Amino acid sequence: MVGLVFGGASGEHEVSIRSAATVERGLASGANAQRYQLQRFYIDRNGYWWGEAIAREALAAGRPPEPAALPHQPRRPGFQGFPEGALGVDIWFPVLHGPNGEDGTIQGLFSLMQVPFVGSGVLGSAVGMDKLAMKAAFAAAGLPQGPYQAVAAQELEQPEQLLDRLAQALESPWFIKPANLGSSVGISKAETRDELLAGLRLAASHDPRVIVEQGLKVRELECAVLGREQLQASVLGEICFDADWYDYDTKYCEGRSRTVIPAELPEAVAQQARQLAIAAVQAVGASGLSRVDFFFEEASGRLLINEINTLPGFTNQSMYPMLWAASGLPLEDLVHQLVELAR
């Protein structure tokens, strides 16, 4: 039995539901319908687990259930034990984005249960989720990255001193990000000191550890990686968008961005990106599935690793399944391989 778990106490809750609906479709398609018995589990925004009936409703609606529609209200937030059917699961398929889902926490729970699960383990998930730890791992492996600075929230108590440090280290524009969130949540772009300060405060409201990156004139590329001991990299894809930058709305609203797969690149650049993607996965200790995002600076020909996502989205706009489909691995076969890797 495969346990599909989604939702979660995260700002990416609704994206998780949309991703899980795609995975559900893949696990129920073709030969998978005979291979796997599927049990669904929904984690609400407070971290409480619900069983098959509520999970099916959320997947069918494509959005969280209304609180009034839930059979009862938990007395307190957080994990309070498994609902019926969970202890019979043979392999877990987490489709959880952001904190409490792809940061090693639920991976630790499954590890304690000694039940296999799709995706990276505790270490790879935690390092891949934390942008500062991730960049440190990339640096230790000698992988190319753009300029950045780490900021602790308490530094905002002396804002002018902090702004001076960042302005001296990085050229404008700046991108300010919480260290432990995904899907562009809490991220902002700044071109002035006032905007930089506002962005720092926004990011710090999400996480006490913040990263500031120097803006670059680049193309944004993505590569999907699959496997454990033997890693495979997909064709490259390019994200094209009309907005000033690739924010949350641009990423998830229909018509705000488009993808070019395969990306129009010299073969030497595409091959280098695939090699770097595998090296990035190895650097953070990830496994199973990952998406590695790149900046390509056409003027210099440089490829820079932006970040890794160890539990990438599976929505109809998500690059991971689209990249593998373009590489000859359709959704049905992709989710089958992921379950087999977990096994």
Protein backbone atom coordinates (compact mmCIF):
# COMPACT_ATOMS: atom_id res chain seq x y z
CA MET A 1 0.00 0.00 0.00
CA VAL A 2 1.26 3.46 -0.94
CA GLY A 3 0.39 6.32 1.43
CA LEU A 4 0.00 9.63 -0.40
CA VAL A 5 0.33 12.44 2.15
CA PHE A 6 -0.15 16.12 1.28
CA GLY A 7 -1.22 19.53 2.58
CA GLY A 8 0.83 20.46 5.63
CA ALA A 9 1.45 23.33 8.03
CA SER A 10 3.16 25.43 5.40
CA GLY A 11 2.59 28.49 3.25
CA GLU A 12 2.66 26.15 0.25
CA HIS A 13 -0.35 24.18 1.46
CA GLU A 14 -2.56 24.74 -1.61
CA VAL A 15 0.29 24.04 -4.04
CA SER A 16 0.78 20.72 -2.24
CA ILE A 17 -2.86 19.76 -2.85
CA ARG A 18 -2.50 20.49 -6.56
CA SER A 19 0.74 18.52 -6.73
CA ALA A 20 -0.80 15.57 -4.91
CA ALA A 21 -3.70 15.45 -7.38
CA THR A 22 -1.18 14.94 -10.19
CA VAL A 23 0.68 12.22 -8.29
CA GLU A 24 -2.66 10.53 -7.49
CA ARG A 25 -3.50 10.51 -11.19
CA GLY A 26 -0.12 9.00 -12.05
CA LEU A 27 -0.42 6.26 -9.44
CA ALA A 28 -3.89 5.37 -10.69
CA SER A 29 -2.96 5.33 -14.39
CA GLY A 30 -2.27 2.33 -16.62
CA ALA A 31 -0.33 -0.50 -15.03
CA ASN A 32 0.02 1.45 -11.77
CA ALA A 33 -3.68 0.89 -11.07
CA GLN A 34 -2.88 -2.82 -10.67
CA ARG A 35 0.53 -2.32 -9.07
CA TYR A 36 -0.50 -0.11 -6.19
CA GLN A 37 -3.24 0.24 -3.64
CA LEU A 38 -3.42 3.92 -2.73
CA GLN A 39 -4.34 5.40 0.65
CA ARG A 40 -4.63 9.19 0.92
CA PHE A 41 -3.85 11.37 3.94
CA TYR A 42 -4.41 15.11 4.31
CA ILE A 43 -2.52 17.28 6.80
CA ASP A 44 -4.39 20.50 7.57
CA ARG A 45 -2.80 23.92 8.06
CA ASN A 46 -2.46 23.25 11.79
CA GLY A 47 -0.55 20.02 11.20
CA TYR A 48 -3.38 17.64 12.13
CA TRP A 49 -3.67 14.45 10.03
CA TRP A 50 -6.94 13.38 8.40
CA GLY A 51 -7.70 10.07 6.72
CA GLU A 52 -9.09 8.89 3.40
CA ALA A 53 -12.51 10.61 3.36
CA ILE A 54 -11.23 14.13 4.05
CA ALA A 55 -8.17 13.60 1.85
CA ARG A 56 -10.31 12.57 -1.12
CA GLU A 57 -12.49 15.65 -0.67
CA ALA A 58 -9.47 17.96 -0.67
CA LEU A 59 -8.02 16.34 -3.80
CA ALA A 60 -11.34 16.44 -5.64
CA ALA A 61 -11.90 20.12 -4.77
CA GLY A 62 -8.28 21.12 -5.37
CA ARG A 63 -8.29 23.24 -2.22
CA PRO A 64 -8.33 22.85 1.57
CA PRO A 65 -11.62 21.77 3.16
CA GLU A 66 -13.54 24.48 4.99
CA PRO A 67 -13.09 24.10 8.78
CA ALA A 68 -16.86 23.75 9.18
CA ALA A 69 -16.76 20.72 6.87
CA LEU A 70 -14.35 18.80 9.12
CA PRO A 71 -15.91 16.22 11.45
CA HIS A 72 -14.30 17.73 14.53
CA GLN A 73 -11.77 20.35 15.56
CA PRO A 74 -8.51 19.09 17.10
CA ARG A 75 -7.88 20.38 20.61
CA ARG A 76 -4.40 21.66 19.78
CA PRO A 77 -2.27 22.13 16.66
CA GLY A 78 0.36 19.71 15.44
CA PHE A 79 0.75 16.00 14.91
CA GLN A 80 -1.40 14.02 17.35
CA GLY A 81 -1.10 10.55 15.91
CA PHE A 82 -2.02 8.78 12.71
CA PRO A 83 -5.56 8.41 11.37
CA GLU A 84 -6.99 5.02 10.51
CA GLY A 85 -5.06 3.15 7.81
CA ALA A 86 -1.72 4.90 8.23
CA LEU A 87 -0.01 2.06 10.08
CA GLY A 88 -0.79 -0.26 7.18
CA VAL A 89 1.18 1.84 4.68
CA ASP A 90 4.14 0.02 3.07
CA ILE A 91 5.68 3.03 1.28
CA TRP A 92 5.01 6.71 1.92
CA PHE A 93 4.80 9.20 -0.95
CA PRO A 94 5.04 12.66 0.65
CA VAL A 95 3.90 15.53 -1.57
CA LEU A 96 4.59 18.28 0.93
CA HIS A 97 6.29 21.57 0.11
CA GLY A 98 8.05 23.93 2.47
CA PRO A 99 8.54 23.65 6.25
CA ASN A 100 7.24 20.50 7.97
CA GLY A 101 7.25 18.66 4.66
CA GLU A 102 10.50 18.85 2.76
CA ASP A 103 12.85 20.01 5.53
CA GLY A 104 13.60 16.61 7.07
CA THR A 105 10.91 16.65 9.75
CA ILE A 106 8.41 14.23 8.22
CA GLN A 107 11.31 12.27 6.76
CA GLY A 108 12.50 11.77 10.33
CA LEU A 109 9.05 10.51 11.34
CA PHE A 110 9.04 7.95 8.53
CA SER A 111 12.60 6.93 9.42
CA LEU A 112 11.58 6.33 13.03
CA MET A 113 8.71 4.18 11.76
CA GLN A 114 11.21 2.21 9.61
CA VAL A 115 8.92 2.55 6.60
CA PRO A 116 10.44 3.51 3.22
CA PHE A 117 9.43 6.79 1.61
CA VAL A 118 9.85 8.64 -1.67
CA GLY A 119 12.52 11.33 -1.79
CA SER A 120 15.53 12.44 0.18
CA GLY A 121 16.30 11.42 3.74
CA VAL A 122 16.61 13.70 6.75
CA LEU A 123 20.02 15.17 5.90
CA GLY A 124 19.44 15.80 2.20
CA SER A 125 16.01 17.28 2.88
CA ALA A 126 17.22 19.59 5.65
CA VAL A 127 20.29 20.84 3.77
CA GLY A 128 18.36 21.25 0.53
CA MET A 129 15.61 23.22 2.28
CA ASP A 130 17.87 25.67 4.13
CA LYS A 131 19.30 28.04 1.53
CA LEU A 132 22.29 29.01 3.66
CA ALA A 133 23.23 25.41 4.47
CA MET A 134 22.65 24.52 0.82
CA LYS A 135 24.95 27.26 -0.44
CA ALA A 136 27.61 26.25 2.09
CA ALA A 137 27.42 22.67 0.79
CA PHE A 138 27.70 23.88 -2.81
CA ALA A 139 30.70 26.04 -1.90
CA ALA A 140 32.41 23.11 -0.15
CA ALA A 141 31.92 21.05 -3.33
CA GLY A 142 33.39 23.83 -5.46
CA LEU A 143 30.19 24.45 -7.42
CA PRO A 144 29.67 27.86 -9.09
CA GLN A 145 27.22 30.29 -7.46
CA GLY A 146 26.31 33.96 -7.60
CA PRO A 147 27.34 36.46 -4.89
CA TYR A 148 25.29 36.38 -1.67
CA GLN A 149 25.35 37.37 1.99
CA ALA A 150 23.84 35.76 5.09
CA VAL A 151 21.79 37.91 7.48
CA ALA A 152 20.55 37.13 10.99
CA ALA A 153 17.26 38.76 12.00
CA GLN A 154 18.83 40.39 15.06
CA GLU A 155 21.05 42.45 12.75
CA LEU A 156 17.93 44.47 11.91
CA GLU A 157 18.27 46.06 15.35
CA GLN A 158 21.06 48.16 13.76
CA PRO A 159 19.61 48.65 10.29
CA GLU A 160 22.00 51.29 8.92
CA GLN A 161 25.03 49.19 9.80
CA LEU A 162 23.44 46.16 8.14
CA LEU A 163 22.51 48.10 5.00
CA ASP A 164 26.05 49.45 4.74
CA ARG A 165 27.48 45.93 4.96
CA LEU A 166 25.17 44.58 2.26
CA ALA A 167 25.66 47.56 -0.08
CA GLN A 168 29.43 47.14 0.16
CA ALA A 169 29.33 43.40 -0.48
CA LEU A 170 26.64 43.19 -3.19
CA GLU A 171 25.61 45.38 -6.09
CA SER A 172 22.01 46.44 -6.59
CA PRO A 173 19.46 45.02 -7.33
CA TRP A 174 19.17 42.63 -4.40
CA PHE A 175 16.94 39.61 -3.88
CA ILE A 176 16.02 38.94 -0.26
CA LYS A 177 14.84 35.48 0.78
CA PRO A 178 13.95 33.63 3.98
CA ALA A 179 16.40 30.75 4.40
CA ASN A 180 13.70 28.10 4.90
CA LEU A 181 10.78 28.74 2.57
CA GLY A 182 10.08 27.75 -1.01
CA SER A 183 7.82 28.74 -3.92
CA SER A 184 9.01 32.37 -3.71
CA VAL A 185 7.15 32.91 -0.41
CA GLY A 186 8.58 35.90 1.50
CA ILE A 187 10.96 36.82 -1.31
CA SER A 188 11.31 40.36 -2.62
CA LYS A 189 13.45 42.39 -4.99
CA ALA A 190 15.03 45.68 -3.90
CA GLU A 191 16.78 48.45 -5.81
CA THR A 192 17.05 51.07 -3.04
CA ARG A 193 18.14 50.96 0.58
CA ASP A 194 14.55 51.54 1.73
CA GLU A 195 13.32 48.63 -0.40
CA LEU A 196 16.19 46.49 0.87
CA LEU A 197 15.25 47.21 4.48
CA ALA A 198 11.57 46.45 3.81
CA GLY A 199 12.57 43.19 2.10
CA LEU A 200 14.78 42.18 5.00
CA ARG A 201 11.95 42.78 7.46
CA LEU A 202 9.54 40.77 5.31
CA ALA A 203 11.94 37.83 5.03
CA ALA A 204 12.77 37.97 8.75
CA SER A 205 9.05 37.76 9.55
CA HIS A 206 9.13 34.30 7.95
CA ASP A 207 12.51 33.07 9.18
CA PRO A 208 15.21 34.45 11.53
CA ARG A 209 17.86 33.47 8.96
CA VAL A 210 17.84 35.44 5.72
CA ILE A 211 19.85 35.37 2.53
CA VAL A 212 20.51 38.36 0.25
CA GLU A 213 21.62 37.66 -3.31
CA GLN A 214 22.99 40.00 -5.93
CA GLY A 215 20.69 40.34 -8.94
CA LEU A 216 22.21 39.19 -12.22
CA LYS A 217 21.23 39.51 -15.87
CA VAL A 218 20.61 35.85 -16.61
CA ARG A 219 18.34 33.23 -18.12
CA GLU A 220 16.65 30.86 -15.63
CA LEU A 221 17.09 27.16 -16.33
CA GLU A 222 15.94 24.02 -14.52
CA CYS A 223 17.02 20.39 -14.60
CA ALA A 224 15.28 17.38 -13.04
CA VAL A 225 17.31 14.62 -11.37
CA LEU A 226 16.11 11.10 -10.59
CA GLY A 227 17.77 8.19 -8.78
CA ARG A 228 19.79 7.17 -5.76
CA GLU A 229 23.21 5.58 -6.36
CA GLN A 230 22.84 6.05 -10.12
CA LEU A 231 21.56 9.58 -10.83
CA GLN A 232 19.99 10.63 -14.11
CA ALA A 233 19.49 14.21 -15.31
CA SER A 234 16.69 15.32 -17.63
CA VAL A 235 16.74 17.69 -20.56
CA LEU A 236 16.98 21.36 -19.59
CA GLY A 237 13.99 23.66 -19.38
CA GLU A 238 13.85 27.44 -19.36
CA ILE A 239 11.40 29.62 -17.42
CA CYS A 240 10.30 32.68 -19.39
CA PHE A 241 8.15 35.37 -17.81
CA ASP A 242 7.07 38.96 -18.44
CA ALA A 243 7.16 40.03 -14.78
CA ASP A 244 10.11 41.82 -13.22
CA TRP A 245 11.08 38.55 -11.53
CA TYR A 246 9.76 35.04 -10.93
CA ASP A 247 7.57 35.67 -7.87
CA TYR A 248 4.82 33.47 -6.38
CA ASP A 249 2.00 34.82 -8.56
CA THR A 250 4.09 34.54 -11.72
CA LYS A 251 5.00 30.97 -10.80
CA TYR A 252 1.49 29.65 -10.06
CA CYS A 253 -1.01 31.84 -11.96
CA GLU A 254 -2.01 30.68 -15.43
CA GLY A 255 -0.54 32.75 -18.25
CA ARG A 256 2.03 34.60 -16.15
CA SER A 257 4.97 32.47 -17.26
CA ARG A 258 5.83 29.89 -19.88
CA THR A 259 8.33 27.11 -20.19
CA VAL A 260 10.59 26.19 -23.08
CA ILE A 261 11.47 22.47 -23.06
CA PRO A 262 14.08 21.63 -24.14
CA ALA A 263 15.76 24.97 -23.52
CA GLU A 264 17.41 26.52 -26.55
CA LEU A 265 21.04 26.16 -25.50
CA PRO A 266 24.34 25.04 -27.01
CA GLU A 267 24.70 21.33 -26.35
CA ALA A 268 27.92 21.94 -24.41
CA VAL A 269 26.05 24.23 -21.99
CA ALA A 270 23.18 21.75 -21.59
CA GLN A 271 25.61 18.93 -20.90
CA GLN A 272 27.50 21.01 -18.33
CA ALA A 273 24.21 21.88 -16.61
CA ARG A 274 23.23 18.20 -16.37
CA GLN A 275 26.60 17.37 -14.83
CA LEU A 276 26.32 20.25 -12.37
CA ALA A 277 22.76 19.18 -11.45
CA ILE A 278 23.98 15.72 -10.46
CA ALA A 279 26.90 17.26 -8.55
CA ALA A 280 24.48 19.55 -6.68
CA VAL A 281 22.31 16.61 -5.62
CA GLN A 282 25.38 14.77 -4.36
CA ALA A 283 26.68 17.87 -2.55
CA VAL A 284 23.61 18.12 -0.28
CA GLY A 285 23.12 14.37 0.10
CA ALA A 286 19.76 14.31 -1.70
CA SER A 287 18.24 11.29 -3.42
CA GLY A 288 15.09 10.09 -5.16
CA LEU A 289 13.92 13.26 -6.87
CA SER A 290 15.31 16.77 -7.07
CA ARG A 291 15.09 19.81 -9.30
CA VAL A 292 18.18 21.98 -9.68
CA ASP A 293 17.74 25.61 -10.80
CA PHE A 294 20.43 27.51 -12.68
CA PHE A 295 21.27 31.00 -13.81
CA PHE A 296 22.86 31.15 -17.28
CA GLU A 297 24.80 34.34 -17.95
CA GLU A 298 24.90 34.48 -21.73
CA ALA A 299 27.38 37.35 -21.90
CA SER A 300 30.07 35.33 -20.10
CA GLY A 301 28.79 31.81 -20.78
CA ARG A 302 28.74 31.10 -17.03
CA LEU A 303 26.37 28.61 -15.44
CA LEU A 304 25.59 29.35 -11.78
CA ILE A 305 23.61 27.09 -9.47
CA ASN A 306 20.74 29.00 -7.88
CA GLU A 307 19.20 26.31 -5.65
CA ILE A 308 18.01 22.74 -5.29
CA ASN A 309 14.48 21.61 -4.49
CA THR A 310 14.35 18.10 -3.02
CA LEU A 311 10.55 17.82 -3.20
CA PRO A 312 9.64 19.73 -6.37
CA GLY A 313 6.09 20.53 -7.38
CA PHE A 314 3.89 18.26 -9.49
CA THR A 315 1.22 20.79 -10.51
CA ASN A 316 0.24 21.22 -14.16
CA GLN A 317 2.73 24.11 -14.30
CA SER A 318 5.56 22.35 -12.49
CA MET A 319 8.78 21.69 -14.35
CA TYR A 320 9.80 18.40 -12.73
CA PRO A 321 7.21 16.10 -14.38
CA MET A 322 7.30 18.14 -17.61
CA LEU A 323 11.09 17.79 -17.88
CA TRP A 324 10.90 14.03 -17.46
CA ALA A 325 8.02 13.75 -19.94
CA ALA A 326 10.19 15.59 -22.48
CA SER A 327 13.03 13.18 -21.64
CA GLY A 328 10.86 10.17 -22.50
CA LEU A 329 9.53 9.34 -19.03
CA PRO A 330 5.77 10.05 -18.79
CA LEU A 331 4.02 10.67 -15.46
CA GLU A 332 2.84 7.07 -14.98
CA ASP A 333 6.39 5.71 -15.37
CA LEU A 334 7.92 8.55 -13.36
CA VAL A 335 5.85 7.96 -10.22
CA HIS A 336 6.38 4.20 -10.60
CA GLN A 337 10.15 4.72 -10.66
CA LEU A 338 9.96 6.98 -7.60
CA VAL A 339 8.07 4.33 -5.62
CA GLU A 340 10.50 1.64 -6.73
CA LEU A 341 13.46 3.81 -5.70
CA ALA A 342 11.89 4.21 -2.27
CA ARG A 343 11.36 0.45 -2.04
